[in-house]
Amino acid sequence: MHTSEESFCARDVNEICPEITVDLLAIKENYRTICRLLGDGRSAVSAVVKNDAYGLGAQRVSRTLYEAGCRDFWVAYAREAVDIRRVLPFDANIYYLQGFCSTDVELLEVYRIVPVINSLAEFNAIKSKGIGFILHVDTGLTRLGLRQEDLDMILPDLSRENVLYVISHLACGDGGRQDIQQKRSFDETLTKVRSVTDAKGSLVASNIVNLGRDFLYDLVRVGAFLYGIRNGNLEPRTVLCMKTKVLQTYSIPSGTNVGYGATHVTDRETEVAIISVGYADGIKRHLSSNGCVLFYDSTSGPYKARILGRISMDLTACDITDVPNGVVVEGADAILLDDAYTINEMSEDAQTISYEILTSINFKSKRFKLTYTE
């Protein structure tokens, strides 16, 4: 009996592909943590699910957050808004942050999505359409958004428009001088708009722990914290577990080069494990000789094994010399992310931010096996 090439290849790939598990219950709990912190109910908690919920799957994540009580969702583009509307009831509000144009008007009506207006051109494209929208005013981040002179130009027209929110975004979010200056500018902006029309305000994202109650306004936009990214001293539940397989183990003598460029030379006899993951999967090359891989046995662990030399496209070497004998064998699980080594620790080792670590993981790669737990 012959096995087809397709089924044979699928079986082989599944045996060695990296695996990611997304804990949807942890995402719910992280959302509820922010809700509990706000407590008094004066500020609603909304969810940022742009860029496919930071790569984790916007439809699955949005449904999960809706079940947890969330009713306001932010995405980057109209296409993303339409995608999550397909799984969210119409009592959920979906806002998209960039790219509004006049041809979107039909989408807004059919899918009941709300654009964020960032420029005079966008305002002129939606003016007099009778459609609700959000005004984004730049208060000091110097990115997208209306400038104060733009706002002054359109202010007389706003009395005839349905402005749902005025929003801005903090450059620092640490409660320092820059934030205070931006809050002052935002207050002035909100006062101007409210002089001609009723509108709510939204200024801050996940960084509520660094800021006083006066920064919170009507709506808080929470993204990173939902997905396991630490905020100050506030620790989220771990959302991601990522693992792969050990392909090979062997011993090398002191003075042996490891990896491309011969950037690492062993200074002792070293036990090496080669694992099936690399930068094509989103593992940052800055983790070369800096990051670690975790191993567990049936009763203990984690045992940390330092990455040796440069990370390759789909292979990584690590030092298992100090891991107890028998724990690391060919076919064993090698853990890249879990409770003991989160995206926060990985980002420190890679000398970057946790956002980059999370959004760099190639969740849609055919090499990955992606599963959700609820």
Protein backbone atom coordinates (compact mmCIF):
# COMPACT_ATOMS: atom_id res chain seq x y z
CA MET A 1 0.00 0.00 0.00
CA HIS A 2 1.40 3.39 -1.02
CA THR A 3 1.05 6.58 1.01
CA SER A 4 0.30 9.67 -1.07
CA GLU A 5 3.00 12.34 -1.20
CA GLU A 6 0.57 14.91 0.21
CA SER A 7 -0.38 12.90 3.30
CA PHE A 8 3.19 11.80 3.90
CA CYS A 9 4.48 15.40 3.79
CA ALA A 10 1.69 16.64 6.04
CA ARG A 11 2.52 13.95 8.62
CA ASP A 12 6.23 14.74 8.55
CA VAL A 13 5.74 18.51 8.85
CA ASN A 14 3.37 18.15 11.79
CA GLU A 15 5.96 16.13 13.67
CA ILE A 16 8.56 18.91 13.67
CA CYS A 17 6.67 22.18 13.19
CA PRO A 18 6.69 24.86 15.89
CA GLU A 19 3.47 25.00 17.90
CA ILE A 20 1.75 28.04 19.41
CA THR A 21 -1.08 27.88 21.92
CA VAL A 22 -3.17 31.01 22.54
CA ASP A 23 -4.93 31.07 25.91
CA LEU A 24 -8.24 32.84 25.29
CA LEU A 25 -9.20 32.63 28.96
CA ALA A 26 -6.04 34.58 29.81
CA ILE A 27 -7.05 37.30 27.33
CA LYS A 28 -10.46 37.50 29.04
CA GLU A 29 -8.84 37.75 32.45
CA ASN A 30 -6.45 40.49 31.29
CA TYR A 31 -9.44 42.47 30.02
CA ARG A 32 -11.27 41.98 33.31
CA THR A 33 -8.17 43.07 35.25
CA ILE A 34 -8.32 46.48 33.55
CA CYS A 35 -12.07 46.68 34.19
CA ARG A 36 -11.50 45.97 37.88
CA LEU A 37 -8.77 48.61 38.08
CA LEU A 38 -11.09 51.27 36.71
CA GLY A 39 -13.79 50.10 39.07
CA ASP A 40 -16.09 53.11 39.17
CA GLY A 41 -17.50 52.57 35.68
CA ARG A 42 -16.90 56.15 34.57
CA SER A 43 -14.54 54.96 31.81
CA ALA A 44 -15.46 52.13 29.47
CA VAL A 45 -12.76 49.62 28.50
CA SER A 46 -12.31 49.05 24.77
CA ALA A 47 -10.08 46.53 23.00
CA VAL A 48 -7.47 47.18 20.34
CA VAL A 49 -7.55 44.22 17.95
CA LYS A 50 -5.72 45.78 15.02
CA ASN A 51 -3.23 43.87 12.90
CA ASP A 52 -5.16 40.65 13.46
CA ALA A 53 -5.17 41.19 17.25
CA TYR A 54 -1.38 41.64 17.22
CA GLY A 55 -1.18 38.44 15.19
CA LEU A 56 -3.26 36.22 17.49
CA GLY A 57 -6.37 36.14 15.29
CA ALA A 58 -8.76 39.10 15.44
CA GLN A 59 -11.97 37.14 14.92
CA ARG A 60 -11.26 34.61 17.67
CA VAL A 61 -9.94 37.27 20.05
CA SER A 62 -12.81 39.70 19.36
CA ARG A 63 -15.45 37.04 20.02
CA THR A 64 -13.66 36.14 23.25
CA LEU A 65 -13.58 39.75 24.42
CA TYR A 66 -17.21 40.27 23.48
CA GLU A 67 -18.09 37.29 25.71
CA ALA A 68 -16.13 39.02 28.49
CA GLY A 69 -18.33 42.11 28.14
CA CYS A 70 -16.33 44.30 25.76
CA ARG A 71 -18.44 46.35 23.34
CA ASP A 72 -15.89 48.71 21.75
CA PHE A 73 -13.19 47.52 19.36
CA TRP A 74 -10.40 49.30 17.48
CA VAL A 75 -8.71 48.17 14.28
CA ALA A 76 -6.31 49.86 11.88
CA TYR A 77 -8.15 49.54 8.55
CA ALA A 78 -11.68 49.29 7.15
CA ARG A 79 -10.96 45.77 5.89
CA GLU A 80 -10.15 44.67 9.45
CA ALA A 81 -13.36 46.28 10.71
CA VAL A 82 -15.42 44.33 8.19
CA ASP A 83 -13.64 41.10 9.13
CA ILE A 84 -14.51 41.33 12.80
CA ARG A 85 -18.03 42.58 12.14
CA ARG A 86 -18.64 39.17 10.59
CA VAL A 87 -18.30 37.62 14.07
CA LEU A 88 -19.56 40.46 16.30
CA PRO A 89 -23.21 41.44 16.87
CA PHE A 90 -24.29 44.93 15.88
CA ASP A 91 -24.33 46.14 19.47
CA ALA A 92 -20.51 46.07 19.30
CA ASN A 93 -18.92 49.31 18.14
CA ILE A 94 -16.04 48.91 15.69
CA TYR A 95 -13.74 51.84 14.93
CA TYR A 96 -10.98 51.93 12.34
CA LEU A 97 -8.05 54.24 12.87
CA GLN A 98 -6.68 55.06 9.44
CA GLY A 99 -7.33 55.26 5.73
CA PHE A 100 -10.89 56.61 5.52
CA CYS A 101 -11.94 57.72 2.05
CA SER A 102 -15.26 58.67 0.45
CA THR A 103 -15.68 55.22 -1.11
CA ASP A 104 -15.92 53.74 2.41
CA VAL A 105 -19.33 55.33 3.02
CA GLU A 106 -21.29 52.32 1.81
CA LEU A 107 -19.20 50.02 4.04
CA LEU A 108 -19.94 52.21 7.05
CA GLU A 109 -23.66 51.84 6.53
CA VAL A 110 -23.72 48.13 5.71
CA TYR A 111 -21.34 46.96 8.43
CA ARG A 112 -22.01 49.74 10.96
CA ILE A 113 -18.37 50.62 11.39
CA VAL A 114 -17.00 53.99 12.43
CA PRO A 115 -14.03 55.81 10.86
CA VAL A 116 -11.44 57.89 12.66
CA ILE A 117 -10.86 61.18 10.87
CA ASN A 118 -7.20 62.25 10.82
CA SER A 119 -7.00 65.10 8.29
CA LEU A 120 -8.87 67.93 6.60
CA ALA A 121 -9.20 65.84 3.45
CA GLU A 122 -10.84 63.02 5.40
CA PHE A 123 -13.16 65.44 7.17
CA ASN A 124 -14.26 66.96 3.88
CA ALA A 125 -14.92 63.45 2.53
CA ILE A 126 -17.32 62.61 5.38
CA LYS A 127 -18.80 66.06 6.03
CA SER A 128 -22.57 66.34 5.59
CA LYS A 129 -22.99 62.58 5.12
CA GLY A 130 -24.93 62.18 8.37
CA ILE A 131 -22.52 59.48 9.54
CA GLY A 132 -21.00 59.21 13.01
CA PHE A 133 -17.22 59.49 13.20
CA ILE A 134 -14.30 60.08 15.55
CA LEU A 135 -11.92 63.03 15.44
CA HIS A 136 -8.25 62.24 16.06
CA VAL A 137 -6.24 65.28 17.10
CA ASP A 138 -2.46 65.18 17.43
CA THR A 139 -1.45 66.60 20.81
CA GLY A 140 2.28 65.91 20.73
CA LEU A 141 3.01 62.43 19.40
CA THR A 142 3.51 63.99 15.95
CA ARG A 143 2.05 61.15 13.98
CA LEU A 144 -1.42 60.93 12.42
CA GLY A 145 -4.09 63.41 13.43
CA LEU A 146 -5.55 66.85 12.93
CA ARG A 147 -3.39 69.77 14.00
CA GLN A 148 -4.86 72.55 16.12
CA GLU A 149 -5.08 74.87 13.13
CA ASP A 150 -7.02 72.17 11.26
CA LEU A 151 -9.44 71.82 14.15
CA ASP A 152 -10.01 75.58 14.22
CA MET A 153 -10.87 75.50 10.51
CA ILE A 154 -13.53 72.80 10.85
CA LEU A 155 -14.92 73.84 14.24
CA PRO A 156 -17.89 75.82 12.83
CA ASP A 157 -18.93 72.75 10.78
CA LEU A 158 -18.86 70.33 13.73
CA SER A 159 -22.19 71.57 15.09
CA ARG A 160 -23.85 69.87 12.13
CA GLU A 161 -21.87 66.62 12.42
CA ASN A 162 -22.18 63.49 14.56
CA VAL A 163 -18.85 63.50 16.41
CA LEU A 164 -18.83 60.45 18.67
CA TYR A 165 -15.40 60.84 20.25
CA VAL A 166 -12.37 63.08 20.21
CA ILE A 167 -9.24 61.01 20.67
CA SER A 168 -5.50 61.49 20.92
CA HIS A 169 -2.53 59.31 21.85
CA LEU A 170 0.24 59.80 24.39
CA ALA A 171 3.87 59.70 23.32
CA CYS A 172 5.20 58.37 26.65
CA GLY A 173 2.41 57.17 28.90
CA ASP A 174 4.60 57.42 32.00
CA GLY A 175 2.84 60.31 33.69
CA GLY A 176 5.77 62.65 33.05
CA ARG A 177 6.07 66.13 31.60
CA GLN A 178 5.24 65.13 28.03
CA ASP A 179 2.03 63.42 29.13
CA ILE A 180 1.00 66.43 31.21
CA GLN A 181 1.58 68.75 28.23
CA GLN A 182 -0.43 66.47 25.97
CA LYS A 183 -3.27 66.23 28.48
CA ARG A 184 -3.42 70.02 28.66
CA SER A 185 -3.60 70.21 24.88
CA PHE A 186 -6.25 67.49 24.79
CA ASP A 187 -8.38 69.29 27.40
CA GLU A 188 -8.25 72.46 25.30
CA THR A 189 -9.23 70.49 22.21
CA LEU A 190 -12.12 68.74 23.96
CA THR A 191 -13.40 72.05 25.31
CA LYS A 192 -13.40 73.52 21.81
CA VAL A 193 -15.28 70.61 20.30
CA ARG A 194 -17.78 70.44 23.15
CA SER A 195 -18.54 74.12 22.67
CA VAL A 196 -20.30 73.21 19.41
CA THR A 197 -21.28 69.54 19.75
CA ASP A 198 -21.54 66.79 22.33
CA ALA A 199 -18.57 64.38 22.11
CA LYS A 200 -16.83 61.95 24.42
CA GLY A 201 -13.07 61.78 24.95
CA SER A 202 -10.41 59.08 24.87
CA LEU A 203 -6.69 59.61 25.48
CA VAL A 204 -4.96 56.60 27.02
CA ALA A 205 -4.19 53.00 26.11
CA SER A 206 -2.98 50.13 28.35
CA ASN A 207 -0.77 52.42 30.44
CA ILE A 208 -3.47 53.38 32.94
CA VAL A 209 -1.35 52.32 35.91
CA ASN A 210 1.08 55.18 35.30
CA LEU A 211 -1.60 57.84 35.03
CA GLY A 212 -4.10 59.55 37.29
CA ARG A 213 -7.88 59.31 37.02
CA ASP A 214 -8.00 62.62 35.15
CA PHE A 215 -6.28 61.05 32.15
CA LEU A 216 -8.93 58.39 31.62
CA TYR A 217 -11.94 60.33 30.23
CA ASP A 218 -14.80 58.27 28.77
CA LEU A 219 -12.99 55.39 27.07
CA VAL A 220 -9.69 53.56 27.62
CA ARG A 221 -8.15 51.77 24.62
CA VAL A 222 -6.43 48.58 25.80
CA GLY A 223 -4.26 46.55 23.45
CA ALA A 224 -0.87 45.27 24.57
CA PHE A 225 -1.92 44.24 28.08
CA LEU A 226 -4.62 41.97 26.68
CA TYR A 227 -1.97 39.92 24.90
CA GLY A 228 0.41 39.46 27.81
CA ILE A 229 2.58 42.57 27.58
CA ARG A 230 3.52 43.94 30.98
CA ASN A 231 2.44 47.48 31.89
CA GLY A 232 4.64 49.03 34.56
CA ASN A 233 4.19 46.90 37.66
CA LEU A 234 0.96 45.42 36.37
CA GLU A 235 1.53 41.82 35.30
CA PRO A 236 -0.87 40.26 32.80
CA ARG A 237 -1.72 36.60 32.53
CA THR A 238 0.51 34.81 30.02
CA VAL A 239 -1.34 34.38 26.74
CA LEU A 240 1.18 32.56 24.54
CA CYS A 241 2.99 29.26 24.75
CA MET A 242 5.38 28.48 21.90
CA LYS A 243 7.33 25.28 21.51
CA THR A 244 9.16 23.26 18.92
CA LYS A 245 11.13 20.01 18.70
CA VAL A 246 14.75 19.09 19.31
CA LEU A 247 16.16 17.77 16.03
CA GLN A 248 19.63 16.73 17.15
CA THR A 249 21.95 16.69 20.17
CA TYR A 250 25.73 16.23 20.30
CA SER A 251 28.87 17.16 22.22
CA ILE A 252 31.57 19.54 20.94
CA PRO A 253 34.99 20.38 22.42
CA SER A 254 36.16 23.72 23.75
CA GLY A 255 37.22 26.11 20.99
CA THR A 256 34.51 25.06 18.51
CA ASN A 257 32.73 27.66 16.36
CA VAL A 258 28.93 27.63 16.45
CA GLY A 259 26.72 29.09 13.75
CA TYR A 260 27.05 31.53 10.87
CA GLY A 261 29.89 34.01 11.08
CA ALA A 262 31.58 31.94 13.80
CA THR A 263 30.42 34.57 16.29
CA HIS A 264 30.39 32.10 19.17
CA VAL A 265 33.33 29.95 20.20
CA THR A 266 32.84 27.47 23.03
CA ASP A 267 35.03 27.91 26.11
CA ARG A 268 34.32 24.42 27.48
CA GLU A 269 33.17 21.04 26.30
CA THR A 270 29.56 21.77 25.38
CA GLU A 271 26.41 19.75 24.90
CA VAL A 272 24.40 21.25 22.05
CA ALA A 273 20.77 20.88 21.02
CA ILE A 274 19.55 21.99 17.60
CA ILE A 275 15.89 23.01 17.58
CA SER A 276 13.48 23.58 14.70
CA VAL A 277 12.80 27.32 14.80
CA GLY A 278 14.50 30.47 13.49
CA TYR A 279 14.11 34.02 12.29
CA ALA A 280 11.70 33.01 9.48
CA ASP A 281 9.33 32.04 12.29
CA GLY A 282 9.74 35.44 13.93
CA ILE A 283 12.48 34.62 16.45
CA LYS A 284 14.57 37.78 16.54
CA ARG A 285 18.23 37.49 15.48
CA HIS A 286 19.08 39.83 18.37
CA LEU A 287 18.44 36.81 20.59
CA SER A 288 21.55 35.22 19.11
CA SER A 289 23.86 34.38 22.06
CA ASN A 290 21.43 36.31 24.31
CA GLY A 291 18.12 34.51 24.51
CA CYS A 292 17.29 31.15 26.03
CA VAL A 293 15.26 28.02 25.44
CA LEU A 294 13.44 26.13 28.22
CA PHE A 295 13.29 22.40 28.81
CA TYR A 296 11.17 20.43 31.26
CA ASP A 297 11.20 16.83 32.40
CA SER A 298 8.19 14.99 33.79
CA THR A 299 8.63 16.33 37.33
CA SER A 300 10.71 19.49 37.25
CA GLY A 301 12.00 22.44 35.30
CA PRO A 302 12.28 24.80 33.64
CA TYR A 303 15.91 24.33 32.76
CA LYS A 304 17.28 27.28 30.81
CA ALA A 305 19.59 26.68 27.87
CA ARG A 306 21.33 29.71 26.37
CA ILE A 307 21.13 30.23 22.62
CA LEU A 308 24.54 29.67 21.01
CA GLY A 309 25.71 31.80 18.10
CA ARG A 310 23.53 33.28 15.40
CA ILE A 311 19.94 32.19 14.94
CA SER A 312 19.43 30.74 11.46
CA MET A 313 16.40 30.97 9.22
CA ASP A 314 14.72 27.88 10.69
CA LEU A 315 17.27 26.42 13.12
CA THR A 316 18.66 27.49 16.47
CA ALA A 317 21.47 26.01 18.58
CA CYS A 318 21.39 26.07 22.37
CA ASP A 319 23.70 25.03 25.19
CA ILE A 320 22.24 22.13 27.20
CA THR A 321 25.44 21.32 29.11
CA ASP A 322 23.90 22.24 32.47
CA VAL A 323 20.54 20.57 31.83
CA PRO A 324 20.28 17.21 33.66
CA ASN A 325 21.05 14.14 31.59
CA GLY A 326 18.08 12.64 29.84
CA VAL A 327 15.93 15.78 29.81
CA VAL A 328 16.93 16.88 26.31
CA VAL A 329 16.74 14.15 23.71
CA GLU A 330 15.93 14.17 20.02
CA GLY A 331 12.19 14.76 19.64
CA ALA A 332 11.84 16.47 23.05
CA ASP A 333 9.89 19.72 23.41
CA ALA A 334 11.91 22.94 23.41
CA ILE A 335 9.95 25.87 24.88
CA LEU A 336 10.40 29.33 23.38
CA LEU A 337 7.64 31.12 25.34
CA ASP A 338 5.60 30.25 28.42
CA ASP A 339 4.97 31.47 31.99
CA ALA A 340 8.65 31.12 32.85
CA TYR A 341 9.91 33.01 29.78
CA THR A 342 7.33 35.47 28.49
CA ILE A 343 7.43 37.93 25.62
CA ASN A 344 8.46 40.52 28.20
CA GLU A 345 11.62 38.60 29.16
CA MET A 346 12.31 37.70 25.56
CA SER A 347 12.11 41.36 24.52
CA GLU A 348 14.62 42.32 27.20
CA ASP A 349 17.04 39.69 25.90
CA ALA A 350 16.48 40.88 22.34
CA GLN A 351 16.89 44.54 23.39
CA THR A 352 13.61 45.56 21.82
CA ILE A 353 9.99 46.09 22.88
CA SER A 354 7.47 43.35 23.60
CA TYR A 355 5.18 44.66 20.84
CA GLU A 356 7.83 43.87 18.24
CA ILE A 357 8.39 40.38 19.62
CA LEU A 358 4.67 39.61 19.52
CA THR A 359 3.90 41.03 16.09
CA SER A 360 7.03 39.49 14.55
CA ILE A 361 5.94 35.92 15.27
CA ASN A 362 4.83 34.40 11.99
CA PHE A 363 1.50 33.01 13.19
CA LYS A 364 0.22 32.47 9.65
CA SER A 365 3.23 30.45 8.55
CA LYS A 366 2.36 27.00 7.19
CA ARG A 367 5.13 25.71 9.47
CA PHE A 368 3.18 26.68 12.58
CA LYS A 369 0.53 24.66 14.32
CA LEU A 370 -1.73 27.23 15.99
CA THR A 371 -4.26 26.17 18.62
CA TYR A 372 -6.57 28.00 21.03
CA THR A 373 -7.58 27.03 24.55
CA GLU A 374 -10.72 28.37 26.23
